Structures are given as C-alpha cells and as structure tokens.
C-alpha cells in the first residue's frame, strides 16, 4: 500500500480558504436580507421599523459581535457574569434591561439611550477614557514610540487667523499621540468619540451618515491646526457603543494589525480579530457600567469637607491625653 502523501499546494489552500469565506459571507448577506424583509413586512409603524433596522445594522458591523464569538477566558479578561451578559444583549438588541429604574437620578426617564448618554456619575467620561487607553496600549503593542495621552497642542500664534471652526484654545489636547504608525518619524494625533446610534436624536440619520458627521466635525475642529502647526497627521477615531467604527478608524485598526503581525509573526487576520475583540470588550464593559453605575443627585453629599491637618492634630492630642 502506497503511504506517500504530498501536501497540497499552498496557493490552492489559500484560494480554497478565500472561496469558503466568500461563500459564508454571501450566505450571511442572504440571511440578513431575509431578516430585513421580515421586519419591513411586520406591519409596525415606520419609526419602529427604522429603529429595528438600525439595531440590526449595528449588530452586523465589524467588531460588534466579537464579544459573543470569543472564548470566555478569564486570563484574557473576556468573561461576563450572567447579569452583565443579559445587559450586553439588551444593549445589542435595544431591549429594556431587567430591574432598570424608571427614573434616572437626573430626573429624566431611564432608558438605554439615556443611560449611555447621561453625564451624571462620570460614566460617559470613563467610557471615553477607557477607549483612549486601549488605543494607546494597541499603539505600544504595534511598536509605536512616544505614545502619550492627553497631549497638549502647541499654542496658536496667529497662524490660523481667519480660519473658522478650528479649535484655537491654548488648553486644546489630543486623546492619543504617537510616532511610527504611518512612518518612522511621522507623528500621529488621534481624537476619540463614542456615540449611541440608536439615540432618539439620531433617529432620522443612517449610521454611515452619523460616522461621516462625527468624523467631519472632529476634522473641522483639529485637522487644520495639527497639519499647519504640529506638522503631523490627524485621525478621528469614531466608535459606536455597540462596537462598530468609522472608515478612518478602520484604516488605523488595519494598520495596527499589519504592524503587530509583522512584529509578532502572527497572521494578520488573527491580529485583526484580536484588536476588534479588545476594543469591543472595552466598549461593552464601559456601556454596562453606564447602564448600571450608580448616579447620585447633584445635591447629595456622601462625605463632608475634611481638613486633614486639623483632624490629624486632634487625633494626636486625643492619643497623648
């Protein structure tokens, strides 16, 4: 019996993999098309139909489902408890979470959209900062140098006189800055925005339009200043609360995947999936905190103002007595 075995040609294997992926994506597109048709034929009012379709589109975006498909490994910080998992599904599909209070501490009606946008409690700022920190870690992982957060921009000294819409304040800062992403000596600046596409104020706008609007707003505010004064590049990194990202952000993610792949000798597709999973979990956890984090009324004081020097002196006096 002949037991000689020849490995298949590597190019044929690659082509077979690509063909399988294409077929899978085509099947998924067909399924998505059928689901959309069912929603349109349900007889709901137009507003509700638009909301369902937008939720479906958010759930179908790159990176939006990574938290569902990844292995729940504790060492990778990829685990959710049962309450967090239920809340994550509620955020993903627009369901009202169980045991969510009817009223927010700010006095507004408590909905998912309100929780993801309410500034009370500082959770929206926390979401932004955690996303910023994850981007900074990814840049370091890619081998970029001089990675800094909240870097203050050089002051404007008349260079932008007459230019409208540009941020000219001396305290202007960028969320993240680094050398080496686009070129060895090229400095890159990044500013982050996370928005909820299902918010009532965005009801009449498509997700692509929202991404473009947020990216243009950031560029109008900072691009000219960074190009003219910092002599560097600027990229707005716009994310949805469900884990999707805009076109410019997607380019940065692909570049990061290329650099990390070259550095670690790992397949770029695996690195890309890992990056999207890291960002997805960062956004997911921060959104769950926005949903369940305790918000106190502004006039509630849990602690009194303490003069620590007087308190320390009184403690010493009591002890010696």
Protein backbone atom coordinates (compact mmCIF):
# COMPACT_ATOMS: atom_id res chain seq x y z
CA UNK A 1 0.00 0.00 0.00
CA UNK A 2 1.44 3.35 -1.02
CA UNK A 3 1.60 5.63 2.02
CA UNK A 4 3.33 8.56 0.34
CA UNK A 5 1.49 11.79 0.99
CA UNK A 6 2.04 15.08 -0.74
CA UNK A 7 0.99 18.30 0.92
CA UNK A 8 -1.45 20.29 -1.19
CA UNK A 9 -0.13 23.34 -2.96
CA UNK A 10 -0.09 26.35 -0.61
CA UNK A 11 -1.66 28.64 -3.19
CA UNK A 12 -4.53 26.21 -3.71
CA UNK A 13 -5.11 26.05 0.04
CA UNK A 14 -5.24 29.86 0.25
CA UNK A 15 -7.64 30.04 -2.68
CA UNK A 16 -9.87 27.38 -1.10
CA UNK A 17 -9.97 29.33 2.17
CA UNK A 18 -10.85 32.54 0.35
CA UNK A 19 -13.59 30.76 -1.57
CA UNK A 20 -15.05 29.32 1.65
CA UNK A 21 -15.03 32.74 3.30
CA UNK A 22 -16.74 34.32 0.28
CA UNK A 23 -19.44 31.66 0.29
CA UNK A 24 -20.01 32.12 4.02
CA UNK A 25 -20.31 35.90 3.65
CA UNK A 26 -22.75 35.51 0.76
CA UNK A 27 -24.91 33.20 2.89
CA UNK A 28 -24.83 35.72 5.75
CA UNK A 29 -25.83 38.52 3.38
CA UNK A 30 -28.79 36.47 2.16
CA UNK A 31 -29.89 35.77 5.74
CA UNK A 32 -29.58 39.46 6.61
CA UNK A 33 -31.62 40.40 3.57
CA UNK A 34 -34.40 37.99 4.59
CA UNK A 35 -34.45 39.31 8.16
CA UNK A 36 -34.76 42.88 6.86
CA UNK A 37 -37.64 41.83 4.61
CA UNK A 38 -39.42 40.25 7.59
CA UNK A 39 -39.02 43.47 9.59
CA UNK A 40 -40.41 45.54 6.72
CA UNK A 41 -43.38 43.19 6.35
CA UNK A 42 -44.30 43.05 10.06
CA UNK A 43 -46.72 45.94 9.84
CA UNK A 44 -45.05 48.03 12.56
CA UNK A 45 -45.05 51.80 12.25
CA UNK A 46 -42.28 53.33 10.14
CA UNK A 47 -40.42 54.76 13.12
CA UNK A 48 -40.23 51.38 14.84
CA UNK A 49 -39.17 49.68 11.61
CA UNK A 50 -36.30 52.15 11.20
CA UNK A 51 -35.18 51.51 14.77
CA UNK A 52 -35.22 47.71 14.27
CA UNK A 53 -33.27 48.01 11.02
CA UNK A 54 -30.70 50.29 12.61
CA UNK A 55 -30.26 47.90 15.56
CA UNK A 56 -29.76 45.07 13.07
CA UNK A 57 -27.19 47.11 11.15
CA UNK A 58 -25.30 47.93 14.37
CA UNK A 59 -25.21 44.25 15.34
CA UNK A 60 -23.89 43.36 11.85
CA UNK A 61 -20.93 45.75 11.87
CA UNK A 62 -17.33 44.56 12.05
CA UNK A 63 -16.33 44.00 15.66
CA UNK A 64 -19.85 44.28 17.06
CA UNK A 65 -20.18 40.52 17.63
CA UNK A 66 -16.66 39.63 18.76
CA UNK A 67 -17.65 39.57 22.43
CA UNK A 68 -20.21 36.87 21.57
CA UNK A 69 -17.93 34.67 19.46
CA UNK A 70 -14.71 34.78 21.51
CA UNK A 71 -13.89 32.19 24.17
CA UNK A 72 -14.70 33.44 27.70
CA UNK A 73 -11.13 33.18 29.01
CA UNK A 74 -10.54 34.62 32.48
CA UNK A 75 -6.83 35.34 31.84
CA UNK A 76 -7.79 37.44 28.79
CA UNK A 77 -10.45 39.31 30.78
CA UNK A 78 -13.10 38.05 28.38
CA UNK A 79 -15.69 36.88 30.90
CA UNK A 80 -19.06 38.35 31.81
CA UNK A 81 -21.27 37.37 34.73
CA UNK A 82 -24.91 36.48 34.00
CA UNK A 83 -26.19 39.98 34.78
CA UNK A 84 -23.57 41.61 32.52
CA UNK A 85 -24.35 39.14 29.72
CA UNK A 86 -28.08 39.95 29.90
CA UNK A 87 -27.34 43.68 29.91
CA UNK A 88 -25.00 43.23 26.93
CA UNK A 89 -27.78 41.52 24.96
CA UNK A 90 -30.21 44.28 25.95
CA UNK A 91 -27.80 46.96 24.68
CA UNK A 92 -27.18 45.00 21.48
CA UNK A 93 -30.86 44.47 20.61
CA UNK A 94 -32.49 47.53 22.18
CA UNK A 95 -34.39 45.58 24.86
CA UNK A 96 -35.21 47.15 28.20
CA UNK A 97 -32.87 45.61 30.81
CA UNK A 98 -34.35 43.82 33.77
CA UNK A 99 -34.65 45.85 37.01
CA UNK A 100 -33.67 49.14 35.36
CA UNK A 101 -35.06 52.03 37.47
CA UNK A 102 -37.87 54.01 35.86
CA UNK A 103 -36.23 57.37 36.63
CA UNK A 104 -32.59 58.47 36.46
CA UNK A 105 -31.09 60.50 39.32
CA UNK A 106 -31.02 63.48 36.96
CA UNK A 107 -34.83 63.30 36.77
CA UNK A 108 -35.16 62.00 33.19
CA UNK A 109 -36.89 58.81 32.14
CA UNK A 110 -34.45 55.93 32.35
CA UNK A 111 -33.87 54.18 29.03
CA UNK A 112 -30.83 52.53 27.48
CA UNK A 113 -30.32 55.59 25.27
CA UNK A 114 -30.44 57.90 28.30
CA UNK A 115 -28.06 55.73 30.36
CA UNK A 116 -25.49 55.69 27.55
CA UNK A 117 -25.61 59.48 27.26
CA UNK A 118 -26.25 60.78 30.80
CA UNK A 119 -23.24 62.75 32.08
CA UNK A 120 -24.23 62.36 35.74
CA UNK A 121 -21.89 59.99 37.54
CA UNK A 122 -18.98 60.45 35.12
CA UNK A 123 -19.54 57.11 33.35
CA UNK A 124 -19.62 58.62 29.85
CA UNK A 125 -16.22 60.21 30.51
CA UNK A 126 -14.98 56.88 31.89
CA UNK A 127 -16.11 55.14 28.66
CA UNK A 128 -14.20 57.65 26.57
CA UNK A 129 -11.05 57.37 28.72
CA UNK A 130 -11.04 53.57 28.72
CA UNK A 131 -11.34 53.55 24.92
CA UNK A 132 -8.48 56.07 24.75
CA UNK A 133 -6.31 53.90 27.00
CA UNK A 134 -6.99 50.80 24.89
CA UNK A 135 -5.95 52.66 21.72
CA UNK A 136 -2.75 53.78 23.47
CA UNK A 137 -1.94 50.19 24.51
CA UNK A 138 -2.53 48.95 20.95
CA UNK A 139 -0.16 51.60 19.57
CA UNK A 140 2.50 50.50 22.05
CA UNK A 141 1.88 46.85 21.11
CA UNK A 142 2.44 47.82 17.46
CA UNK A 143 5.87 49.22 18.34
CA UNK A 144 4.99 52.92 18.09
CA UNK A 145 7.19 55.26 20.12
CA UNK A 146 6.34 58.30 22.24
CA UNK A 147 2.79 57.14 22.90
CA UNK A 148 1.12 59.75 25.12
CA UNK A 149 -2.42 60.52 26.22
CA UNK A 150 -3.96 63.98 26.65
CA UNK A 151 -1.03 65.65 24.89
CA UNK A 152 -1.40 69.45 24.87
CA UNK A 153 -1.15 71.03 21.42
CA UNK A 154 1.29 73.78 20.52
CA UNK A 155 -0.24 77.25 21.03
CA UNK A 156 -1.77 79.14 18.10
CA UNK A 157 0.09 82.41 17.50
CA UNK A 158 -1.78 83.97 14.59
CA UNK A 159 -1.20 81.15 12.10
CA UNK A 160 -4.91 80.37 11.84
CA UNK A 161 -6.34 83.88 11.81
CA UNK A 162 -9.45 83.97 9.65
CA UNK A 163 -9.92 80.21 9.67
CA UNK A 164 -13.37 79.38 11.01
CA UNK A 165 -14.36 76.35 13.07
CA UNK A 166 -10.85 75.45 14.22
CA UNK A 167 -10.12 74.95 17.92
CA UNK A 168 -7.61 77.69 18.81
CA UNK A 169 -7.58 77.49 22.60
CA UNK A 170 -4.27 77.13 24.44
CA UNK A 171 -5.62 74.22 26.50
CA UNK A 172 -6.56 72.09 23.49
CA UNK A 173 -5.42 68.47 23.83
CA UNK A 174 -5.42 65.28 21.79
CA UNK A 175 -6.56 61.99 23.27
CA UNK A 176 -3.59 59.99 21.95
CA UNK A 177 -0.41 60.80 20.09
CA UNK A 178 2.37 58.52 18.83
CA UNK A 179 5.34 58.24 16.46
CA UNK A 180 5.71 55.44 13.94
CA UNK A 181 2.22 54.43 12.86
CA UNK A 182 2.28 55.95 9.37
CA UNK A 183 6.05 56.47 9.15
CA UNK A 184 9.19 56.19 11.32
CA UNK A 185 9.44 59.90 12.13
CA UNK A 186 5.86 60.93 11.47
CA UNK A 187 3.81 61.96 14.46
CA UNK A 188 0.16 60.99 14.52
CA UNK A 189 -2.63 62.51 16.61
CA UNK A 190 -5.92 60.78 17.41
CA UNK A 191 -9.11 62.06 18.97
CA UNK A 192 -11.84 59.65 20.10
CA UNK A 193 -15.61 59.84 20.06
CA UNK A 194 -18.11 57.18 21.14
CA UNK A 195 -21.78 57.68 20.22
CA UNK A 196 -25.03 55.75 20.53
CA UNK A 197 -26.53 55.36 17.03
CA UNK A 198 -29.92 54.36 18.47
CA UNK A 199 -30.31 57.62 20.43
CA UNK A 200 -33.59 59.44 19.64
CA UNK A 201 -31.68 62.49 18.36
CA UNK A 202 -30.14 60.29 15.61
CA UNK A 203 -33.41 58.60 14.61
CA UNK A 204 -33.57 60.18 11.13
CA UNK A 205 -29.91 59.60 10.23
CA UNK A 206 -28.25 56.47 8.87
CA UNK A 207 -25.24 55.01 10.64
CA UNK A 208 -22.92 55.87 7.73
CA UNK A 209 -24.14 59.46 7.82
CA UNK A 210 -23.52 59.61 11.58
CA UNK A 211 -19.97 58.31 11.18
CA UNK A 212 -19.26 60.88 8.47
CA UNK A 213 -20.79 63.70 10.53
CA UNK A 214 -18.70 62.92 13.62
CA UNK A 215 -15.51 62.48 11.59
CA UNK A 216 -16.04 65.76 9.72
CA UNK A 217 -16.76 67.59 12.97
CA UNK A 218 -13.51 66.37 14.52
CA UNK A 219 -11.53 67.20 11.38
CA UNK A 220 -13.05 70.66 11.10
CA UNK A 221 -12.04 71.31 14.70
CA UNK A 222 -8.49 69.94 14.74
CA UNK A 223 -7.16 68.88 11.32
CA UNK A 224 -6.03 72.30 10.08
CA UNK A 225 -4.33 73.13 13.38
CA UNK A 226 -2.41 69.86 13.54
CA UNK A 227 -1.35 69.99 9.88
CA UNK A 228 -0.27 73.64 9.96
CA UNK A 229 1.22 73.95 13.45
CA UNK A 230 2.14 70.46 14.65
CA UNK A 231 3.19 69.32 11.13
CA UNK A 232 1.64 65.95 11.90
CA UNK A 233 -1.32 63.82 10.85
CA UNK A 234 -4.73 63.73 12.50
CA UNK A 235 -7.25 60.87 12.51
CA UNK A 236 -10.63 60.93 14.26
CA UNK A 237 -11.46 57.57 15.85
CA UNK A 238 -15.25 57.29 15.94
CA UNK A 239 -16.92 54.27 17.58
CA UNK A 240 -20.49 53.21 18.23
CA UNK A 241 -21.47 51.98 21.68
CA UNK A 242 -22.11 48.56 20.10
CA UNK A 243 -18.51 48.13 18.91
CA UNK A 244 -18.58 49.40 15.32
CA UNK A 245 -16.19 52.04 13.98
CA UNK A 246 -15.95 54.61 11.20
CA UNK A 247 -13.91 54.34 7.98
CA UNK A 248 -10.95 56.36 9.24
CA UNK A 249 -10.82 54.37 12.46
CA UNK A 250 -10.97 51.15 10.43
CA UNK A 251 -7.87 52.24 8.49
CA UNK A 252 -6.00 52.76 11.77
CA UNK A 253 -7.07 49.32 13.02
CA UNK A 254 -5.85 47.69 9.78
CA UNK A 255 -2.51 49.49 10.05
CA UNK A 256 -2.14 48.41 13.68
CA UNK A 257 -2.91 44.82 12.66
CA UNK A 258 -0.22 44.98 9.96
CA UNK A 259 2.44 46.31 12.35
CA UNK A 260 1.61 43.85 15.15
CA UNK A 261 1.51 40.98 12.64
CA UNK A 262 4.98 41.90 11.35
CA UNK A 263 6.30 42.25 14.88
CA UNK A 264 4.85 39.00 16.26
CA UNK A 265 4.96 36.92 13.03
CA UNK A 266 1.28 36.08 13.55
CA UNK A 267 -1.33 36.02 10.73
CA UNK A 268 -2.82 39.45 10.15
CA UNK A 269 -6.39 38.09 10.20
CA UNK A 270 -5.87 36.73 13.72
CA UNK A 271 -4.37 40.04 14.92
CA UNK A 272 -7.25 41.98 13.35
CA UNK A 273 -9.77 39.83 15.17
CA UNK A 274 -7.85 40.26 18.45
CA UNK A 275 -7.79 44.08 18.09
CA UNK A 276 -11.53 44.24 17.38
CA UNK A 277 -12.19 41.98 20.36
CA UNK A 278 -10.08 44.17 22.66
CA UNK A 279 -11.92 47.30 21.56
CA UNK A 280 -15.27 45.52 21.65
CA UNK A 281 -14.86 44.41 25.25
CA UNK A 282 -13.64 47.86 26.29
CA UNK A 283 -16.76 49.48 24.83
CA UNK A 284 -19.07 46.74 26.10
CA UNK A 285 -17.86 46.88 29.70
CA UNK A 286 -17.96 50.68 29.78
CA UNK A 287 -21.53 50.67 28.38
CA UNK A 288 -22.66 48.16 31.02
CA UNK A 289 -21.21 50.47 33.68
CA UNK A 290 -23.14 53.38 32.09
CA UNK A 291 -26.25 51.23 32.39
CA UNK A 292 -25.80 50.00 35.97
CA UNK A 293 -23.42 52.53 37.55
CA UNK A 294 -24.88 54.41 40.48
CA UNK A 295 -25.66 58.04 39.69
CA UNK A 296 -26.27 60.36 42.63
CA UNK A 297 -28.20 63.61 42.54
CA UNK A 298 -26.00 66.69 42.36
CA UNK A 299 -27.10 67.98 45.75
CA UNK A 300 -26.31 64.69 47.52
CA UNK A 301 -23.14 64.72 49.61
CA UNK A 302 -21.74 61.42 50.82
CA UNK A 303 -18.74 62.98 52.54
CA UNK A 304 -18.20 66.24 54.34
CA UNK A 305 -15.28 68.54 53.63
CA UNK A 306 -12.44 67.43 55.88
CA UNK A 307 -9.43 69.46 56.97
CA UNK A 308 -6.94 66.61 57.29
CA UNK A 309 -4.32 68.65 59.18
CA UNK A 310 -6.79 69.62 61.90
CA UNK A 311 -8.13 66.08 62.06
CA UNK A 312 -4.59 64.70 62.42
CA UNK A 313 -3.74 67.23 65.17
CA UNK A 314 -6.91 66.33 67.07
CA UNK A 315 -6.08 62.62 66.81
CA UNK A 316 -2.60 63.19 68.23
CA UNK A 317 -3.98 65.34 71.09
CA UNK A 318 -6.54 62.66 71.99
CA UNK A 319 -3.88 59.96 71.88
CA UNK A 320 -1.47 61.82 74.25
CA UNK A 321 -4.28 62.67 76.66
